[in-house]
Amino acid sequence: METTLINRHRYPELDLILWDRAETFVEPDVAFRLYEERWRFVDQDRLEEEEKQLILKLKKTYGHGHMLVA
C-alpha cells in the first residue's frame, strides 16, 4: 500500500475514533494503529464498503494480515 495520507472525512468510523486529533489527513500506519487500539469504539455494522476495504489494506500492509484489537 502506498504511503498516501488518509483523509479521515472519507471514512466515518475512522473520523469518529480520531476524536482527540485535529488533523484532517493521517498516515496509514497511524490509522491502522488507532483502528487496533480503538476497535471497541468502531460500529462494525455502520462500516461502509470503502472503509472495510481500507481496513483490509491496512491490515495486510501494517498488520501482516492480522489486527490485534484491544
Protein backbone atom coordinates (compact mmCIF):
# COMPACT_ATOMS: atom_id res chain seq x y z
CA MET A 1 0.00 0.00 0.00
CA GLU A 2 1.32 3.43 -0.88
CA THR A 3 2.06 5.88 1.88
CA THR A 4 -0.59 8.33 0.74
CA LEU A 5 -2.18 10.17 3.62
CA ILE A 6 -5.72 9.14 4.50
CA ASN A 7 -8.45 11.75 4.58
CA ARG A 8 -10.33 10.94 7.76
CA HIS A 9 -13.53 12.55 6.46
CA ARG A 10 -13.88 9.85 3.77
CA TYR A 11 -14.21 7.17 6.46
CA PRO A 12 -16.94 7.87 9.04
CA GLU A 13 -15.82 5.37 11.68
CA LEU A 14 -12.18 6.43 11.38
CA ASP A 15 -13.29 10.02 11.77
CA LEU A 16 -15.13 9.10 14.97
CA ILE A 17 -12.19 7.29 16.56
CA LEU A 18 -9.95 10.25 15.85
CA TRP A 19 -11.92 12.34 18.35
CA ASP A 20 -8.78 13.64 20.04
CA ARG A 21 -6.85 14.57 16.91
CA ALA A 22 -7.26 17.73 14.85
CA GLU A 23 -5.55 16.83 11.57
CA THR A 24 -7.63 16.02 8.50
CA PHE A 25 -5.04 13.69 6.96
CA VAL A 26 -3.35 10.84 8.84
CA GLU A 27 -0.53 8.48 7.96
CA PRO A 28 -1.75 4.97 7.08
CA ASP A 29 0.32 3.33 9.84
CA VAL A 30 -1.20 5.72 12.39
CA ALA A 31 -4.71 4.96 11.12
CA PHE A 32 -4.04 1.23 11.46
CA ARG A 33 -2.69 1.60 15.00
CA LEU A 34 -5.71 3.66 16.03
CA TYR A 35 -8.14 1.18 14.46
CA GLU A 36 -6.44 -1.53 16.54
CA GLU A 37 -6.35 0.44 19.76
CA ARG A 38 -9.87 1.86 19.47
CA TRP A 39 -11.64 -1.01 17.71
CA ARG A 40 -14.16 -1.31 20.55
CA PHE A 41 -15.46 2.13 19.53
CA VAL A 42 -15.92 1.18 15.86
CA ASP A 43 -19.53 0.39 14.98
CA GLN A 44 -18.87 -2.52 12.62
CA ASP A 45 -22.48 -2.53 11.45
CA ARG A 46 -22.04 1.01 10.14
CA LEU A 47 -18.81 0.42 8.23
CA GLU A 48 -19.23 1.33 4.59
CA GLU A 49 -17.66 -0.87 1.94
CA GLU A 50 -14.94 1.68 1.17
CA GLU A 51 -13.89 1.79 4.82
CA LYS A 52 -13.94 -2.01 5.07
CA GLN A 53 -11.57 -2.14 2.10
CA LEU A 54 -9.31 0.44 3.73
CA ILE A 55 -9.14 -1.63 6.92
CA LEU A 56 -8.31 -4.77 4.93
CA LYS A 57 -5.49 -2.97 3.09
CA LEU A 58 -4.12 -1.54 6.33
CA LYS A 59 -4.36 -4.95 8.00
CA LYS A 60 -2.48 -6.60 5.14
CA THR A 61 0.23 -3.93 4.96
CA TYR A 62 0.79 -2.94 8.57
CA GLY A 63 -0.59 -5.95 10.44
CA HIS A 64 0.80 -8.61 8.13
CA GLY A 65 -2.73 -9.97 7.75
CA HIS A 66 -3.68 -9.58 11.40
CA MET A 67 -5.32 -6.94 13.52
CA LEU A 68 -4.80 -7.15 17.27
CA VAL A 69 -7.80 -5.34 18.65
CA ALA A 70 -7.94 -4.13 22.22
